[in-house]
């Protein structure tokens, strides 16, 4: 009896196990339509959270709970396929190409549209196509990837700003960077710019407003280029729009990803200056001409010092990223942490960043009510230097001087300049920034096809920057005062947005409509405290302002901007071949004049799918052929806060005397109001052609655009009579950008073991100004030998920011420069050709990606050479000089002048990025394991004599100026990616 009971118990347990826990293992392989394995494809048991991804060879094994289950197999760029299990243990799944991505939904602002239905000029880059390596700003991920988009890393300093210029320069009074929108939130776009110490080089710097983002968190970047696509953003869209989508979770088992990389950076190339022996030879030649003894130039140490080697270092970079994503039922999540510690190639410079991101989404009421919350937090620390003085000092320092004196201490001077190495102890520049970006959206389906969406967002950036310099005047140095400056800046941005979307399909028509309202406020506060002289040197005043023992000055400021907007858009599709997109936006801004509070921005785009017509319906050549036409108006609200209003001040300097003795403070006007002031208007036409042939193997685009900006915002002389010297107006002038863009993608080879892809783009741009009533001079020339001179001009018939200087015509018999009597256009600061070229190849477990980029038809004003590389600078001051500018005909008795002599060709061709990867097999419990080696800025071909032709220290509306620019480094990175 006991044996029978035991047998029954065993049977019961077995039956229970089969009933409640039995699983069936199923395996298979996933390939594309040519039979090539697809690693990383998602295989899900439909209706559950049970899923796996394929390995490098496309193989998978999944244990299903239901022997009659259906497997859903998906992969980016391919159509999802469902497989009904029939009892077999192995399956071969072949996925069809999703019409080369034509069915993928592209984010276009306040919604999305299928790629095949786009009417505007829009380009999307997904994470798998990003440039690899160290990227502080999302802009670097795009460099060389898009036609018409010029991405410039204007400084090699870690964390420095990246300029993204889309289809040319369109403004005189402001920069031409685009509007950034992250997960539907238009950003303020500010950076940690703040004033520093007077008389110390490198006292202000620009950091990227997107530094708070971790590139590992970005799923895709979409660039809206023409007005028919950007007009939905109204007054902020004239320079284009960059939409950034972060990674979201997917329903399925939790997926853990981890990546780490270590890199080493060095200066890609030195500036070619005179060696110690050459310096002695040239100073000996010049000494009699300036009445000096040749031995006066030779330092007592009689050293052979390469000062560039003394300030630069091999910099170390470490990067760590951890992510967890997944979901169950209707809830998905994605959590990530990132840490980056990047030394700069200039000693004591560094960028440290800690980031965290949390995305969660869910739905209730049978998916009728959806919620999505996104949160990004970041803490950034930047250590900088007096870069202008430091870098130029290393180039002009006496090569016979010694870094250290006989006592082992750093010497004070290196010839005519301060010892640049001494600045590492004398000067410190530290900024700490805390950034938060949070947004919450809820979408409610009122009836089928009609959705209401609420978007609430908050952005805050809080930056404290401390700059300190110790005096060294007692030792013969040039810094005669202890100085400390603290700058505190807080920028906040609040967004409240409501909009409705409605979509409907008929037999021949498909359309969707959008109508919305947006209210956004921006607040900026600043505090600046400056102190002189310190009571002790035992404590660094960066950590205790209480030791300031001299003069203290305090300044503060605050500003507020408000933007209220109404917008709408209609997308219509007739017979799946004729496309119409029409949009309209009305923007009301607090910075506009009283008589022009609202701006209105219409746009329309037309599309014709030619390949859907009967005469091409059966074509074996074209799988896509679409003609696009677009027109629209956008704006630029470059108007500074309050300039439309009158301003007054009181001071003793403006006092009045009554009865000979009584002094009363006077009131004077400081700003003339202009109630008619408004936004700049950019009108753009675009014609484009998208095509795909050979079953998706070859695809490309062509675009022609004509973009005209009017009502340019300028500060001009006030009409008489007026209480002030200047007034802000909208000029009748016009800046015209027109050009051609070409892009080509080729899937050249596809076999089981080998694949090879090519992609490339090139843009030709013409920029021209007309109708300007008065020339605008910009680009104050820094350095010795100048007083109020400028390098650049906005003038009729020329491109924006062209170089305007006297033309150098050689030397006369006395070695004095022969210059043209009047200044003239001597160079173009904007490139007329921009191009990029990419190669992607894989062989078995190895992959290779190469990214090349370059520009042509552009010049650079080498202001570093102008300031310190003349015969006078060498002969009279003992400064070292560029070998490029050594000319035995030049007299050291004549002061150098700013001229075309210092305009150089800035064209270049660069191997921007190269990555070799190894996808490791036999990974045991890991889903993927990849090792890679990346090189950044591996070589550049250029005639420019400075560190790098991709430079601009001017900022704002000044282009192509180099004065002590931070070298762009060459970086080698070894990395590891894994997931499980």
Foldseek 3Di string as FASTA:
>chain_A
DVVVVVVVVVVVVVVVCLVPPDWAKAKEFEEEPVRAGDFQKWKDFPPFQFIFTAFLRRMDMGIHSDQQTKIWIDDPQWDIDIHGHDNDRYDYHYTYGPLRQQQPWDDQAPGTDGNQQDQADKDKDFLVQFFDDDDLAVLNRCDQPDWQWHWFPFFQFPQAAIAIFGQADFFFFWGLGAFEAEPNRTDPFAFPWDAADPPFAPRTGGGGPRSLDDSVFWGMKMWGHFFQRQCLVFARDQRTYIYTYTDWFEAHDKKKKKKKWKKKWAQLDAFFFDWQVRLLVLLCVFCVQVVHHSCVLADPQQAGAQLVVVFFDTKMKIKIKIKIWHDTDFKIKIKMWIWIWTAGRGPQWIKIKIKIKIWMKGADPVRQKIKIKIKMKMKMKTKDFSLLQLLLCSQWFNSRDDQADPVRHGAQGRFLAGSSSVRVVFKIKMKIKIKMKIKMKMWGRPDVQKIKMKIKIKIKMKMKMKIWGDADVVNPHDRHKTKMKIKIKMKMKIKIKIKMKGWDDDPFKTKMKMKMKMKMKMKMKMKMKMAIDFQDPPDDCVVPVVRRDGDMDMDMDMAMKMKIKIKMKMWMAGNNFKIKIKMKMKIAMPLAAQVPRIDIKIKMKIKGFVCVDPVNVPPQWWSTKMKMKMKMKHWHFPRDHPLQDKDKDWDQVQWDDDPNPDIDIDIATAHDHHRRGDTKMKIKIKIKIWTATDSRQKIKMKMKMKIKIFQHWDWDADPPPDRYGTGIGRARKMKIKIWMKMKMKGFDDDDNFKTKIKIKMKMFMDIFMDRGPDKDFDAQQDAPPDDRDGQFIHDGPHHFGFGWFWAFDAADQQQHTDTDPGTDRLFAQDFRMWMKMWMWMGGHQKIKIWIKIWTFRGKAQESSQQRQAALLNCNVRVTIHRPVHDDPSHRNVDRGDRHSVRIGGLIKMWRAKMKMKGWDPPPVPWSTKMKMKMKGRNDMDDPDSRSHSSHDPRDISHGRYDRSHHHNIIMIMIMMMTMD
